[in-house]
């Protein structure tokens, strides 16, 4: 009988694990068409970026909160936004032309990844109300083996974190 109870306990644990994994799958980002997003999200996008070309909206669960991750183009420049379910903008990332990137950023990225090519630099701005405050840069590089990596770099140009949360 002990064998049956042990098996039952293991089966229950396995079923619970599968249920948790299934729930985690449900919480992954889900792409949503612009016209199917909540009005508060559409309004936040339109108020901040009138006439923007929205290329992608994903509904995500971040730390128990629903957040909409929006990718768009406005006046020829790429932007990304994180917006809470109620329409509150948390963060705006702005594409920065390589010619406008701080020299220290380029120098430090090339020193750390000498064989890599910088593919994109986004200035990450924290948003409070209507005020945007630059916080750091997200730099996408392509390594010599053609893999893409995203690196967080301080405003002063110091590498602070690599993709996957790996610190330097």
Protein backbone atom coordinates (compact mmCIF):
# COMPACT_ATOMS: atom_id res chain seq x y z
CA UNK A 1 0.00 0.00 0.00
CA UNK A 2 2.88 2.35 0.75
CA UNK A 3 3.97 1.99 -2.88
CA UNK A 4 0.55 3.06 -4.10
CA UNK A 5 0.46 6.08 -1.81
CA UNK A 6 3.95 7.12 -2.85
CA UNK A 7 3.00 6.78 -6.53
CA UNK A 8 -0.20 8.76 -5.94
CA UNK A 9 1.74 11.53 -4.20
CA UNK A 10 4.23 11.61 -7.06
CA UNK A 11 1.42 11.67 -9.60
CA UNK A 12 -0.28 14.52 -7.78
CA UNK A 13 3.01 16.44 -7.69
CA UNK A 14 3.51 15.79 -11.41
CA UNK A 15 -0.03 17.00 -12.19
CA UNK A 16 0.48 20.13 -10.09
CA UNK A 17 3.78 20.80 -11.89
CA UNK A 18 2.08 20.40 -15.26
CA UNK A 19 -0.72 22.75 -14.20
CA UNK A 20 1.83 25.35 -13.09
CA UNK A 21 3.75 24.99 -16.36
CA UNK A 22 0.49 25.32 -18.31
CA UNK A 23 -0.33 28.48 -16.38
CA UNK A 24 3.14 29.87 -17.12
CA UNK A 25 2.48 29.20 -20.81
CA UNK A 26 -0.78 31.17 -20.52
CA UNK A 27 1.13 34.10 -19.00
CA UNK A 28 3.58 34.37 -21.90
CA UNK A 29 3.27 37.36 -24.21
CA UNK A 30 0.28 37.27 -26.54
CA UNK A 31 0.20 39.36 -29.72
CA UNK A 32 -2.91 41.48 -30.08
CA UNK A 33 -4.11 43.52 -33.07
CA UNK A 34 -4.26 47.27 -32.41
CA UNK A 35 -8.05 47.41 -32.79
CA UNK A 36 -8.48 44.60 -30.23
CA UNK A 37 -6.43 46.29 -27.47
CA UNK A 38 -8.23 48.05 -24.62
CA UNK A 39 -9.24 51.65 -25.33
CA UNK A 40 -6.90 52.92 -22.59
CA UNK A 41 -3.92 51.38 -24.43
CA UNK A 42 -4.98 52.76 -27.82
CA UNK A 43 -5.51 56.20 -26.28
CA UNK A 44 -2.09 56.17 -24.57
CA UNK A 45 -0.40 55.32 -27.89
CA UNK A 46 -2.39 57.86 -29.92
CA UNK A 47 -1.95 60.66 -27.37
CA UNK A 48 1.82 60.21 -27.15
CA UNK A 49 2.46 59.31 -30.81
CA UNK A 50 -0.33 60.65 -33.08
CA UNK A 51 -0.39 58.94 -36.48
CA UNK A 52 2.15 56.30 -35.39
CA UNK A 53 2.54 53.07 -37.35
CA UNK A 54 2.08 50.34 -34.74
CA UNK A 55 3.90 47.18 -35.78
CA UNK A 56 3.35 44.97 -32.74
CA UNK A 57 1.42 44.85 -29.46
CA UNK A 58 1.95 42.07 -26.95
CA UNK A 59 0.07 41.55 -23.71
CA UNK A 60 2.45 40.34 -21.01
CA UNK A 61 2.33 39.54 -17.33
CA UNK A 62 5.23 41.20 -15.51
CA UNK A 63 5.49 40.64 -11.77
CA UNK A 64 1.76 39.97 -11.51
CA UNK A 65 0.78 43.06 -13.55
CA UNK A 66 -0.62 43.15 -17.06
CA UNK A 67 1.65 45.22 -19.31
CA UNK A 68 1.30 45.92 -23.01
CA UNK A 69 4.57 45.98 -24.95
CA UNK A 70 4.14 48.17 -28.03
CA UNK A 71 6.51 48.56 -31.00
CA UNK A 72 5.90 51.42 -33.40
CA UNK A 73 7.35 53.97 -35.80
CA UNK A 74 6.68 57.67 -35.49
CA UNK A 75 8.05 60.22 -37.94
CA UNK A 76 10.54 57.64 -39.23
CA UNK A 77 11.93 56.74 -35.79
CA UNK A 78 11.47 53.41 -34.02
CA UNK A 79 9.95 53.41 -30.51
CA UNK A 80 8.90 50.82 -27.97
CA UNK A 81 6.51 51.43 -25.09
CA UNK A 82 5.46 49.56 -21.95
CA UNK A 83 1.92 50.50 -20.92
CA UNK A 84 -0.06 49.28 -17.93
CA UNK A 85 -3.58 48.00 -18.42
CA UNK A 86 -5.08 51.33 -17.28
CA UNK A 87 -3.15 53.25 -19.97
CA UNK A 88 -0.29 54.44 -17.74
CA UNK A 89 2.93 54.61 -19.76
CA UNK A 90 5.81 53.12 -17.75
CA UNK A 91 8.66 53.28 -20.23
CA UNK A 92 9.46 54.58 -23.70
CA UNK A 93 12.46 53.39 -25.69
CA UNK A 94 13.67 55.64 -28.50
CA UNK A 95 15.92 54.56 -31.35
CA UNK A 96 19.19 56.50 -31.39
CA UNK A 97 21.15 56.92 -34.63
CA UNK A 98 24.68 55.53 -34.26
CA UNK A 99 26.13 58.96 -35.07
CA UNK A 100 24.32 60.33 -31.99
CA UNK A 101 25.36 57.57 -29.57
CA UNK A 102 27.77 58.67 -26.82
CA UNK A 103 31.39 57.87 -27.76
CA UNK A 104 31.96 56.17 -24.36
CA UNK A 105 29.15 53.70 -25.10
CA UNK A 106 30.67 52.70 -28.44
CA UNK A 107 34.18 52.50 -26.95
CA UNK A 108 33.09 50.27 -24.03
CA UNK A 109 30.91 47.96 -26.13
CA UNK A 110 33.71 47.51 -28.70
CA UNK A 111 36.24 46.87 -25.89
CA UNK A 112 34.01 44.18 -24.32
CA UNK A 113 32.87 42.69 -27.65
CA UNK A 114 35.65 43.50 -30.16
CA UNK A 115 34.33 41.21 -32.89
CA UNK A 116 30.70 42.39 -32.57
CA UNK A 117 28.75 44.88 -34.64
CA UNK A 118 26.37 47.34 -32.99
CA UNK A 119 23.03 46.84 -34.71
CA UNK A 120 20.72 49.09 -32.69
CA UNK A 121 20.77 51.49 -29.77
CA UNK A 122 17.60 52.39 -27.88
CA UNK A 123 17.49 55.09 -25.20
CA UNK A 124 15.32 53.76 -22.37
CA UNK A 125 13.25 56.45 -20.65
CA UNK A 126 11.24 55.97 -17.46
CA UNK A 127 7.92 57.80 -17.59
CA UNK A 128 6.13 59.56 -14.74
CA UNK A 129 3.04 61.41 -15.93
CA UNK A 130 4.13 63.33 -19.03
CA UNK A 131 7.79 63.48 -18.00
CA UNK A 132 10.32 61.14 -19.63
CA UNK A 133 13.66 60.65 -17.91
CA UNK A 134 16.54 58.87 -19.68
CA UNK A 135 17.59 55.85 -17.61
CA UNK A 136 19.98 53.74 -19.71
CA UNK A 137 20.58 52.37 -23.21
CA UNK A 138 19.66 48.98 -24.65
CA UNK A 139 22.27 48.03 -27.22
CA UNK A 140 21.73 45.17 -29.65
CA UNK A 141 24.93 43.68 -31.03
CA UNK A 142 25.62 40.90 -33.49
CA UNK A 143 28.52 38.68 -32.49
CA UNK A 144 31.05 37.25 -34.92
CA UNK A 145 29.07 33.97 -34.90
CA UNK A 146 25.95 35.93 -36.04
CA UNK A 147 24.15 35.73 -32.69
CA UNK A 148 22.29 38.77 -31.42
CA UNK A 149 22.76 39.96 -27.85
CA UNK A 150 21.13 42.76 -25.95
CA UNK A 151 23.26 44.72 -23.49
CA UNK A 152 22.18 47.39 -21.01
CA UNK A 153 24.56 50.33 -20.88
CA UNK A 154 24.48 53.27 -18.45
CA UNK A 155 23.99 56.81 -19.72
CA UNK A 156 27.73 57.33 -19.07
CA UNK A 157 28.52 54.40 -21.40
CA UNK A 158 29.37 51.68 -18.84
CA UNK A 159 28.09 48.16 -19.57
CA UNK A 160 25.77 47.24 -16.71
CA UNK A 161 24.06 44.04 -17.84
CA UNK A 162 24.09 41.56 -20.68
CA UNK A 163 21.13 39.64 -22.08
CA UNK A 164 19.69 37.16 -19.61
CA UNK A 165 20.52 39.32 -16.60
CA UNK A 166 24.22 38.46 -16.59
CA UNK A 167 26.10 41.28 -14.85
CA UNK A 168 29.64 42.35 -15.62
